[in-house]
Amino acid sequence: MVYLLVSHKVKDYAKWKPAFDEHGDFRKANGSKGGRIFRSTEDPNRLTVLFEWESADKAREFAQSPELRAAMEEAGVIGQPDASFLEEIESFGK
């Protein structure tokens, strides 16, 4: 499984979340298999999102799409997100 890990700050989580949800169909159409949202215990507007993706190529295409940039700007993402493309090599502790 391939993952896309994205960390960024938002102006207001309450505004960001509905915009994120509205973008779900676009993510799915581009290979997203879902994911998890985490937020900092010290700053509720500092988010990390872990997406499962169908392939690394599709995840990279999505991350570079103008549609994503526009959606992030409209949702109130501040600054440049930090993104990493990851491949799971082992599970533990289950």
PDB file of N, CA and C in Angstrom:
ATOM      1  N   MET A   1       0.838  -1.177   0.000  1.00  0.00           N
ATOM      2  CA  MET A   1       0.000   0.000   0.000  1.00  0.00           C
ATOM      3  C   MET A   1       0.885   1.243   0.000  1.00  0.00           C
ATOM      4  N   VAL A   2       0.459   2.259  -0.717  1.00  0.00           N
ATOM      5  CA  VAL A   2       1.166   3.533  -0.804  1.00  0.00           C
ATOM      6  C   VAL A   2       0.397   4.561   0.016  1.00  0.00           C
ATOM      7  N   TYR A   3       1.145   5.427   0.687  1.00  0.00           N
ATOM      8  CA  TYR A   3       0.538   6.466   1.520  1.00  0.00           C
ATOM      9  C   TYR A   3       1.067   7.828   1.125  1.00  0.00           C
ATOM     10  N   LEU A   4       0.222   8.818   1.311  1.00  0.00           N
ATOM     11  CA  LEU A   4       0.612  10.208   1.160  1.00  0.00           C
ATOM     12  C   LEU A   4       0.390  10.849   2.518  1.00  0.00           C
ATOM     13  N   LEU A   5       1.454  11.370   3.116  1.00  0.00           N
ATOM     14  CA  LEU A   5       1.398  12.013   4.425  1.00  0.00           C
ATOM     15  C   LEU A   5       1.562  13.513   4.204  1.00  0.00           C
ATOM     16  N   VAL A   6       0.553  14.287   4.627  1.00  0.00           N
ATOM     17  CA  VAL A   6       0.555  15.732   4.412  1.00  0.00           C
ATOM     18  C   VAL A   6       0.378  16.439   5.749  1.00  0.00           C
ATOM     19  N   SER A   7       1.258  17.385   6.039  1.00  0.00           N
ATOM     20  CA  SER A   7       1.143  18.210   7.245  1.00  0.00           C
ATOM     21  C   SER A   7       1.053  19.670   6.832  1.00  0.00           C
ATOM     22  N   HIS A   8       0.123  20.380   7.450  1.00  0.00           N
ATOM     23  CA  HIS A   8      -0.017  21.808   7.178  1.00  0.00           C
ATOM     24  C   HIS A   8      -0.823  22.475   8.283  1.00  0.00           C
ATOM     25  N   LYS A   9      -0.779  23.792   8.273  1.00  0.00           N
ATOM     26  CA  LYS A   9      -1.552  24.588   9.212  1.00  0.00           C
ATOM     27  C   LYS A   9      -2.734  25.179   8.445  1.00  0.00           C
ATOM     28  N   VAL A  10      -3.861  25.323   9.127  1.00  0.00           N
ATOM     29  CA  VAL A  10      -5.043  25.947   8.534  1.00  0.00           C
ATOM     30  C   VAL A  10      -5.459  27.146   9.379  1.00  0.00           C
ATOM     31  N   LYS A  11      -6.164  28.079   8.754  1.00  0.00           N
ATOM     32  CA  LYS A  11      -6.641  29.254   9.484  1.00  0.00           C
ATOM     33  C   LYS A  11      -7.657  28.855  10.543  1.00  0.00           C
ATOM     34  N   ASP A  12      -8.554  27.925  10.163  1.00  0.00           N
ATOM     35  CA  ASP A  12      -9.654  27.553  11.053  1.00  0.00           C
ATOM     36  C   ASP A  12     -10.117  26.136  10.704  1.00  0.00           C
ATOM     37  N   TYR A  13      -9.897  25.188  11.621  1.00  0.00           N
ATOM     38  CA  TYR A  13     -10.270  23.794  11.364  1.00  0.00           C
ATOM     39  C   TYR A  13     -11.755  23.672  11.014  1.00  0.00           C
ATOM     40  N   ALA A  14     -12.610  24.419  11.703  1.00  0.00           N
ATOM     41  CA  ALA A  14     -14.063  24.340  11.472  1.00  0.00           C
ATOM     42  C   ALA A  14     -14.434  24.744  10.039  1.00  0.00           C
ATOM     43  N   LYS A  15     -13.657  25.605   9.424  1.00  0.00           N
ATOM     44  CA  LYS A  15     -13.885  25.970   8.023  1.00  0.00           C
ATOM     45  C   LYS A  15     -13.217  24.954   7.096  1.00  0.00           C
ATOM     46  N   TRP A  16     -12.030  24.483   7.471  1.00  0.00           N
ATOM     47  CA  TRP A  16     -11.272  23.557   6.623  1.00  0.00           C
ATOM     48  C   TRP A  16     -11.994  22.229   6.439  1.00  0.00           C
ATOM     49  N   LYS A  17     -12.556  21.674   7.507  1.00  0.00           N
ATOM     50  CA  LYS A  17     -13.117  20.315   7.459  1.00  0.00           C
ATOM     51  C   LYS A  17     -14.231  20.159   6.421  1.00  0.00           C
ATOM     52  N   PRO A  18     -15.244  21.044   6.369  1.00  0.00           N
ATOM     53  CA  PRO A  18     -16.264  20.875   5.320  1.00  0.00           C
ATOM     54  C   PRO A  18     -15.676  20.968   3.905  1.00  0.00           C
ATOM     55  N   ALA A  19     -14.688  21.849   3.710  1.00  0.00           N
ATOM     56  CA  ALA A  19     -14.054  21.954   2.394  1.00  0.00           C
ATOM     57  C   ALA A  19     -13.304  20.662   2.057  1.00  0.00           C
ATOM     58  N   PHE A  20     -12.628  20.092   3.054  1.00  0.00           N
ATOM     59  CA  PHE A  20     -11.934  18.812   2.873  1.00  0.00           C
ATOM     60  C   PHE A  20     -12.933  17.725   2.488  1.00  0.00           C
ATOM     61  N   ASP A  21     -14.043  17.665   3.192  1.00  0.00           N
ATOM     62  CA  ASP A  21     -15.070  16.655   2.906  1.00  0.00           C
ATOM     63  C   ASP A  21     -15.640  16.812   1.500  1.00  0.00           C
ATOM     64  N   GLU A  22     -15.869  18.053   1.078  1.00  0.00           N
ATOM     65  CA  GLU A  22     -16.404  18.304  -0.274  1.00  0.00           C
ATOM     66  C   GLU A  22     -15.450  17.817  -1.365  1.00  0.00           C
ATOM     67  N   HIS A  23     -14.190  17.773  -1.067  1.00  0.00           N
ATOM     68  CA  HIS A  23     -13.173  17.379  -2.033  1.00  0.00           C
ATOM     69  C   HIS A  23     -12.999  15.853  -2.096  1.00  0.00           C
ATOM     70  N   GLY A  24     -13.757  15.115  -1.292  1.00  0.00           N
ATOM     71  CA  GLY A  24     -13.622  13.663  -1.202  1.00  0.00           C
ATOM     72  C   GLY A  24     -13.842  12.923  -2.508  1.00  0.00           C
ATOM     73  N   ASP A  25     -14.833  13.328  -3.269  1.00  0.00           N
ATOM     74  CA  ASP A  25     -15.101  12.649  -4.547  1.00  0.00           C
ATOM     75  C   ASP A  25     -13.930  12.820  -5.513  1.00  0.00           C
ATOM     76  N   PHE A  26     -13.327  14.004  -5.509  1.00  0.00           N
ATOM     77  CA  PHE A  26     -12.167  14.244  -6.379  1.00  0.00           C
ATOM     78  C   PHE A  26     -10.997  13.361  -5.969  1.00  0.00           C
ATOM     79  N   ARG A  27     -10.766  13.267  -4.652  1.00  0.00           N
ATOM     80  CA  ARG A  27      -9.684  12.394  -4.175  1.00  0.00           C
ATOM     81  C   ARG A  27      -9.938  10.953  -4.606  1.00  0.00           C
ATOM     82  N   LYS A  28     -11.152  10.471  -4.373  1.00  0.00           N
ATOM     83  CA  LYS A  28     -11.484   9.083  -4.699  1.00  0.00           C
ATOM     84  C   LYS A  28     -11.331   8.815  -6.195  1.00  0.00           C
ATOM     85  N   ALA A  29     -11.789   9.733  -7.019  1.00  0.00           N
ATOM     86  CA  ALA A  29     -11.684   9.577  -8.473  1.00  0.00           C
ATOM     87  C   ALA A  29     -10.231   9.533  -8.935  1.00  0.00           C
ATOM     88  N   ASN A  30      -9.332  10.062  -8.105  1.00  0.00           N
ATOM     89  CA  ASN A  30      -7.911  10.095  -8.457  1.00  0.00           C
ATOM     90  C   ASN A  30      -7.083   9.053  -7.721  1.00  0.00           C
ATOM     91  N   GLY A  31      -7.744   8.076  -7.095  1.00  0.00           N
ATOM     92  CA  GLY A  31      -7.019   6.943  -6.536  1.00  0.00           C
ATOM     93  C   GLY A  31      -6.922   6.864  -5.024  1.00  0.00           C
ATOM     94  N   SER A  32      -7.515   7.818  -4.313  1.00  0.00           N
ATOM     95  CA  SER A  32      -7.466   7.764  -2.850  1.00  0.00           C
ATOM     96  C   SER A  32      -8.357   6.642  -2.328  1.00  0.00           C
ATOM     97  N   LYS A  33      -7.844   5.929  -1.338  1.00  0.00           N
ATOM     98  CA  LYS A  33      -8.585   4.837  -0.703  1.00  0.00           C
ATOM     99  C   LYS A  33      -9.040   5.229   0.705  1.00  0.00           C
ATOM    100  N   GLY A  34      -8.988   6.536   1.014  1.00  0.00           N
ATOM    101  CA  GLY A  34      -9.378   7.003   2.339  1.00  0.00           C
ATOM    102  C   GLY A  34      -8.155   7.369   3.152  1.00  0.00           C
ATOM    103  N   GLY A  35      -8.361   7.559   4.443  1.00  0.00           N
ATOM    104  CA  GLY A  35      -7.232   7.924   5.278  1.00  0.00           C
ATOM    105  C   GLY A  35      -7.645   8.331   6.676  1.00  0.00           C
ATOM    106  N   ARG A  36      -6.769   9.075   7.325  1.00  0.00           N
ATOM    107  CA  ARG A  36      -6.978   9.522   8.706  1.00  0.00           C
ATOM    108  C   ARG A  36      -6.505  10.963   8.835  1.00  0.00           C
ATOM    109  N   ILE A  37      -7.218  11.713   9.664  1.00  0.00           N
ATOM    110  CA  ILE A  37      -6.830  13.086   9.969  1.00  0.00           C
ATOM    111  C   ILE A  37      -6.356  13.123  11.417  1.00  0.00           C
ATOM    112  N   PHE A  38      -5.217  13.764  11.635  1.00  0.00           N
ATOM    113  CA  PHE A  38      -4.665  13.957  12.970  1.00  0.00           C
ATOM    114  C   PHE A  38      -4.495  15.452  13.183  1.00  0.00           C
ATOM    115  N   ARG A  39      -4.574  15.878  14.451  1.00  0.00           N
ATOM    116  CA  ARG A  39      -4.261  17.268  14.722  1.00  0.00           C
ATOM    117  C   ARG A  39      -3.382  17.370  15.951  1.00  0.00           C
ATOM    118  N   SER A  40      -2.597  18.408  15.975  1.00  0.00           N
ATOM    119  CA  SER A  40      -1.648  18.640  17.057  1.00  0.00           C
ATOM    120  C   SER A  40      -2.394  18.833  18.380  1.00  0.00           C
ATOM    121  N   THR A  41      -1.843  18.279  19.443  1.00  0.00           N
ATOM    122  CA  THR A  41      -2.428  18.488  20.766  1.00  0.00           C
ATOM    123  C   THR A  41      -2.137  19.904  21.268  1.00  0.00           C
ATOM    124  N   GLU A  42      -1.182  20.572  20.662  1.00  0.00           N
ATOM    125  CA  GLU A  42      -0.825  21.933  21.072  1.00  0.00           C
ATOM    126  C   GLU A  42      -1.451  23.015  20.205  1.00  0.00           C
ATOM    127  N   ASP A  43      -1.839  22.672  18.970  1.00  0.00           N
ATOM    128  CA  ASP A  43      -2.414  23.654  18.055  1.00  0.00           C
ATOM    129  C   ASP A  43      -3.495  22.959  17.223  1.00  0.00           C
ATOM    130  N   PRO A  44      -4.770  23.208  17.523  1.00  0.00           N
ATOM    131  CA  PRO A  44      -5.847  22.513  16.810  1.00  0.00           C
ATOM    132  C   PRO A  44      -5.941  22.843  15.326  1.00  0.00           C
ATOM    133  N   ASN A  45      -5.190  23.827  14.871  1.00  0.00           N
ATOM    134  CA  ASN A  45      -5.181  24.170  13.453  1.00  0.00           C
ATOM    135  C   ASN A  45      -3.936  23.647  12.729  1.00  0.00           C
ATOM    136  N   ARG A  46      -3.135  22.819  13.401  1.00  0.00           N
ATOM    137  CA  ARG A  46      -1.991  22.152  12.780  1.00  0.00           C
ATOM    138  C   ARG A  46      -2.415  20.714  12.507  1.00  0.00           C
ATOM    139  N   LEU A  47      -2.542  20.341  11.236  1.00  0.00           N
ATOM    140  CA  LEU A  47      -3.099  19.045  10.846  1.00  0.00           C
ATOM    141  C   LEU A  47      -2.082  18.187  10.111  1.00  0.00           C
ATOM    142  N   THR A  48      -2.249  16.892  10.269  1.00  0.00           N
ATOM    143  CA  THR A  48      -1.520  15.903   9.489  1.00  0.00           C
ATOM    144  C   THR A  48      -2.553  14.914   8.968  1.00  0.00           C
ATOM    145  N   VAL A  49      -2.517  14.678   7.678  1.00  0.00           N
ATOM    146  CA  VAL A  49      -3.473  13.765   7.046  1.00  0.00           C
ATOM    147  C   VAL A  49      -2.691  12.629   6.400  1.00  0.00           C
ATOM    148  N   LEU A  50      -3.082  11.403   6.732  1.00  0.00           N
ATOM    149  CA  LEU A  50      -2.463  10.212   6.153  1.00  0.00           C
ATOM    150  C   LEU A  50      -3.478   9.574   5.208  1.00  0.00           C
ATOM    151  N   PHE A  51      -3.182   9.638   3.922  1.00  0.00           N
ATOM    152  CA  PHE A  51      -4.052   9.071   2.893  1.00  0.00           C
ATOM    153  C   PHE A  51      -3.505   7.727   2.445  1.00  0.00           C
ATOM    154  N   GLU A  52      -4.389   6.763   2.201  1.00  0.00           N
ATOM    155  CA  GLU A  52      -4.003   5.543   1.483  1.00  0.00           C
ATOM    156  C   GLU A  52      -4.246   5.824   0.011  1.00  0.00           C
ATOM    157  N   TRP A  53      -3.325   5.340  -0.816  1.00  0.00           N
ATOM    158  CA  TRP A  53      -3.457   5.624  -2.242  1.00  0.00           C
ATOM    159  C   TRP A  53      -3.284   4.353  -3.049  1.00  0.00           C
ATOM    160  N   GLU A  54      -3.930   4.326  -4.173  1.00  0.00           N
ATOM    161  CA  GLU A  54      -3.910   3.190  -5.094  1.00  0.00           C
ATOM    162  C   GLU A  54      -2.514   2.936  -5.659  1.00  0.00           C
ATOM    163  N   SER A  55      -1.789   4.018  -5.969  1.00  0.00           N
ATOM    164  CA  SER A  55      -0.424   3.888  -6.494  1.00  0.00           C
ATOM    165  C   SER A  55       0.348   5.173  -6.208  1.00  0.00           C
ATOM    166  N   ALA A  56       1.659   5.065  -6.195  1.00  0.00           N
ATOM    167  CA  ALA A  56       2.508   6.236  -5.972  1.00  0.00           C
ATOM    168  C   ALA A  56       2.333   7.247  -7.103  1.00  0.00           C
ATOM    169  N   ASP A  57       2.198   6.754  -8.333  1.00  0.00           N
ATOM    170  CA  ASP A  57       2.025   7.664  -9.471  1.00  0.00           C
ATOM    171  C   ASP A  57       0.753   8.484  -9.340  1.00  0.00           C
ATOM    172  N   LYS A  58      -0.341   7.826  -8.955  1.00  0.00           N
ATOM    173  CA  LYS A  58      -1.612   8.548  -8.793  1.00  0.00           C
ATOM    174  C   LYS A  58      -1.538   9.533  -7.632  1.00  0.00           C
ATOM    175  N   ALA A  59      -0.869   9.157  -6.561  1.00  0.00           N
ATOM    176  CA  ALA A  59      -0.725  10.061  -5.414  1.00  0.00           C
ATOM    177  C   ALA A  59       0.068  11.300  -5.823  1.00  0.00           C
ATOM    178  N   ARG A  60       1.123  11.122  -6.578  1.00  0.00           N
ATOM    179  CA  ARG A  60       1.937  12.260  -7.032  1.00  0.00           C
ATOM    180  C   ARG A  60       1.154  13.161  -7.981  1.00  0.00           C
ATOM    181  N   GLU A  61       0.409  12.553  -8.897  1.00  0.00           N
ATOM    182  CA  GLU A  61      -0.425  13.339  -9.813  1.00  0.00           C
ATOM    183  C   GLU A  61      -1.417  14.189  -9.034  1.00  0.00           C
ATOM    184  N   PHE A  62      -2.068  13.575  -8.060  1.00  0.00           N
ATOM    185  CA  PHE A  62      -3.038  14.277  -7.240  1.00  0.00           C
ATOM    186  C   PHE A  62      -2.372  15.434  -6.488  1.00  0.00           C
ATOM    187  N   ALA A  63      -1.234  15.179  -5.876  1.00  0.00           N
ATOM    188  CA  ALA A  63      -0.551  16.184  -5.066  1.00  0.00           C
ATOM    189  C   ALA A  63      -0.112  17.390  -5.903  1.00  0.00           C
ATOM    190  N   GLN A  64       0.094  17.186  -7.200  1.00  0.00           N
ATOM    191  CA  GLN A  64       0.536  18.269  -8.074  1.00  0.00           C
ATOM    192  C   GLN A  64      -0.610  18.913  -8.853  1.00  0.00           C
ATOM    193  N   SER A  65      -1.829  18.481  -8.614  1.00  0.00           N
ATOM    194  CA  SER A  65      -2.958  18.960  -9.413  1.00  0.00           C
ATOM    195  C   SER A  65      -3.365  20.389  -9.054  1.00  0.00           C
ATOM    196  N   PRO A  66      -3.714  21.177 -10.064  1.00  0.00           N
ATOM    197  CA  PRO A  66      -4.187  22.537  -9.809  1.00  0.00           C
ATOM    198  C   PRO A  66      -5.489  22.540  -8.992  1.00  0.00           C
ATOM    199  N   GLU A  67      -6.291  21.489  -9.154  1.00  0.00           N
ATOM    200  CA  GLU A  67      -7.548  21.389  -8.395  1.00  0.00           C
ATOM    201  C   GLU A  67      -7.274  21.293  -6.899  1.00  0.00           C
ATOM    202  N   LEU A  68      -6.243  20.529  -6.538  1.00  0.00           N
ATOM    203  CA  LEU A  68      -5.900  20.414  -5.127  1.00  0.00           C
ATOM    204  C   LEU A  68      -5.393  21.750  -4.594  1.00  0.00           C
ATOM    205  N   ARG A  69      -4.534  22.408  -5.342  1.00  0.00           N
ATOM    206  CA  ARG A  69      -4.023  23.704  -4.889  1.00  0.00           C
ATOM    207  C   ARG A  69      -5.166  24.694  -4.643  1.00  0.00           C
ATOM    208  N   ALA A  70      -6.117  24.740  -5.564  1.00  0.00           N
ATOM    209  CA  ALA A  70      -7.254  25.655  -5.429  1.00  0.00           C
ATOM    210  C   ALA A  70      -8.110  25.287  -4.213  1.00  0.00           C
ATOM    211  N   ALA A  71      -8.349  23.998  -4.019  1.00  0.00           N
ATOM    212  CA  ALA A  71      -9.163  23.551  -2.885  1.00  0.00           C
ATOM    213  C   ALA A  71      -8.479  23.882  -1.560  1.00  0.00           C
ATOM    214  N   MET A  72      -7.167  23.704  -1.495  1.00  0.00           N
ATOM    215  CA  MET A  72      -6.439  23.996  -0.262  1.00  0.00           C
ATOM    216  C   MET A  72      -6.461  25.491   0.046  1.00  0.00           C
ATOM    217  N   GLU A  73      -6.306  26.299  -0.978  1.00  0.00           N
ATOM    218  CA  GLU A  73      -6.344  27.747  -0.775  1.00  0.00           C
ATOM    219  C   GLU A  73      -7.726  28.173  -0.267  1.00  0.00           C
ATOM    220  N   GLU A  74      -8.762  27.662  -0.906  1.00  0.00           N
ATOM    221  CA  GLU A  74     -10.132  28.003  -0.505  1.00  0.00           C
ATOM    222  C   GLU A  74     -10.448  27.515   0.912  1.00  0.00           C
ATOM    223  N   ALA A  75      -9.872  26.387   1.315  1.00  0.00           N
ATOM    224  CA  ALA A  75     -10.134  25.818   2.636  1.00  0.00           C
ATOM    225  C   ALA A  75      -9.359  26.527   3.746  1.00  0.00           C
ATOM    226  N   GLY A  76      -8.397  27.374   3.377  1.00  0.00           N
ATOM    227  CA  GLY A  76      -7.658  28.128   4.379  1.00  0.00           C
ATOM    228  C   GLY A  76      -6.347  27.516   4.821  1.00  0.00           C
ATOM    229  N   VAL A  77      -5.728  26.713   3.956  1.00  0.00           N
ATOM    230  CA  VAL A  77      -4.403  26.166   4.281  1.00  0.00           C
ATOM    231  C   VAL A  77      -3.395  27.306   4.248  1.00  0.00           C
ATOM    232  N   ILE A  78      -2.570  27.374   5.275  1.00  0.00           N
ATOM    233  CA  ILE A  78      -1.573  28.427   5.410  1.00  0.00           C
ATOM    234  C   ILE A  78      -0.200  27.878   5.016  1.00  0.00           C
ATOM    235  N   GLY A  79       0.475  28.584   4.127  1.00  0.00           N
ATOM    236  CA  GLY A  79       1.830  28.202   3.750  1.00  0.00           C
ATOM    237  C   GLY A  79       1.881  26.965   2.871  1.00  0.00           C
ATOM    238  N   GLN A  80       3.088  26.486   2.688  1.00  0.00           N
ATOM    239  CA  GLN A  80       3.339  25.310   1.846  1.00  0.00           C
ATOM    240  C   GLN A  80       3.211  24.033   2.679  1.00  0.00           C
ATOM    241  N   PRO A  81       2.352  23.109   2.283  1.00  0.00           N
ATOM    242  CA  PRO A  81       2.248  21.839   3.013  1.00  0.00           C
ATOM    243  C   PRO A  81       3.524  21.017   2.881  1.00  0.00           C
ATOM    244  N   ASP A  82       3.772  20.186   3.875  1.00  0.00           N
ATOM    245  CA  ASP A  82       4.875  19.235   3.841  1.00  0.00           C
ATOM    246  C   ASP A  82       4.276  17.889   3.449  1.00  0.00           C
ATOM    247  N   ALA A  83       4.697  17.345   2.320  1.00  0.00           N
ATOM    248  CA  ALA A  83       4.135  16.091   1.823  1.00  0.00           C
ATOM    249  C   ALA A  83       5.222  15.039   1.659  1.00  0.00           C
ATOM    250  N   SER A  84       4.886  13.798   2.033  1.00  0.00           N
ATOM    251  CA  SER A  84       5.791  12.660   1.865  1.00  0.00           C
ATOM    252  C   SER A  84       5.016  11.508   1.252  1.00  0.00           C
ATOM    253  N   PHE A  85       5.657  10.823   0.332  1.00  0.00           N
ATOM    254  CA  PHE A  85       5.080   9.636  -0.283  1.00  0.00           C
ATOM    255  C   PHE A  85       5.742   8.429   0.369  1.00  0.00           C
ATOM    256  N   LEU A  86       4.927   7.551   0.925  1.00  0.00           N
ATOM    257  CA  LEU A  86       5.443   6.450   1.741  1.00  0.00           C
ATOM    258  C   LEU A  86       4.936   5.099   1.245  1.00  0.00           C
ATOM    259  N   GLU A  87       5.725   4.084   1.493  1.00  0.00           N
ATOM    260  CA  GLU A  87       5.356   2.709   1.178  1.00  0.00           C
ATOM    261  C   GLU A  87       5.465   1.908   2.474  1.00  0.00           C
ATOM    262  N   GLU A  88       4.406   1.221   2.829  1.00  0.00           N
ATOM    263  CA  GLU A  88       4.438   0.419   4.051  1.00  0.00           C
ATOM    264  C   GLU A  88       5.331  -0.797   3.848  1.00  0.00           C
ATOM    265  N   ILE A  89       6.224  -1.004   4.810  1.00  0.00           N
ATOM    266  CA  ILE A  89       7.101  -2.169   4.728  1.00  0.00           C
ATOM    267  C   ILE A  89       6.868  -3.150   5.875  1.00  0.00           C
ATOM    268  N   GLU A  90       6.187  -2.696   6.941  1.00  0.00           N
ATOM    269  CA  GLU A  90       5.952  -3.599   8.063  1.00  0.00           C
ATOM    270  C   GLU A  90       4.885  -3.032   8.979  1.00  0.00           C
ATOM    271  N   SER A  91       4.074  -3.910   9.542  1.00  0.00           N
ATOM    272  CA  SER A  91       3.121  -3.543  10.605  1.00  0.00           C
ATOM    273  C   SER A  91       3.605  -4.178  11.888  1.00  0.00           C
ATOM    274  N   PHE A  92       3.296  -3.534  13.017  1.00  0.00           N
ATOM    275  CA  PHE A  92       3.702  -4.099  14.302  1.00  0.00           C
ATOM    276  C   PHE A  92       2.691  -3.714  15.371  1.00  0.00           C
ATOM    277  N   GLY A  93       2.722  -4.439  16.469  1.00  0.00           N
ATOM    278  CA  GLY A  93       1.932  -4.087  17.635  1.00  0.00           C
ATOM    279  C   GLY A  93       0.447  -4.350  17.551  1.00  0.00           C
ATOM    280  N   LYS A  94      -0.015  -5.154  16.631  1.00  0.00           N
ATOM    281  CA  LYS A  94      -1.451  -5.414  16.520  1.00  0.00           C
ATOM    282  C   LYS A  94      -1.799  -6.706  17.193  1.00  0.00           C
TER     283      LYS A  94
END
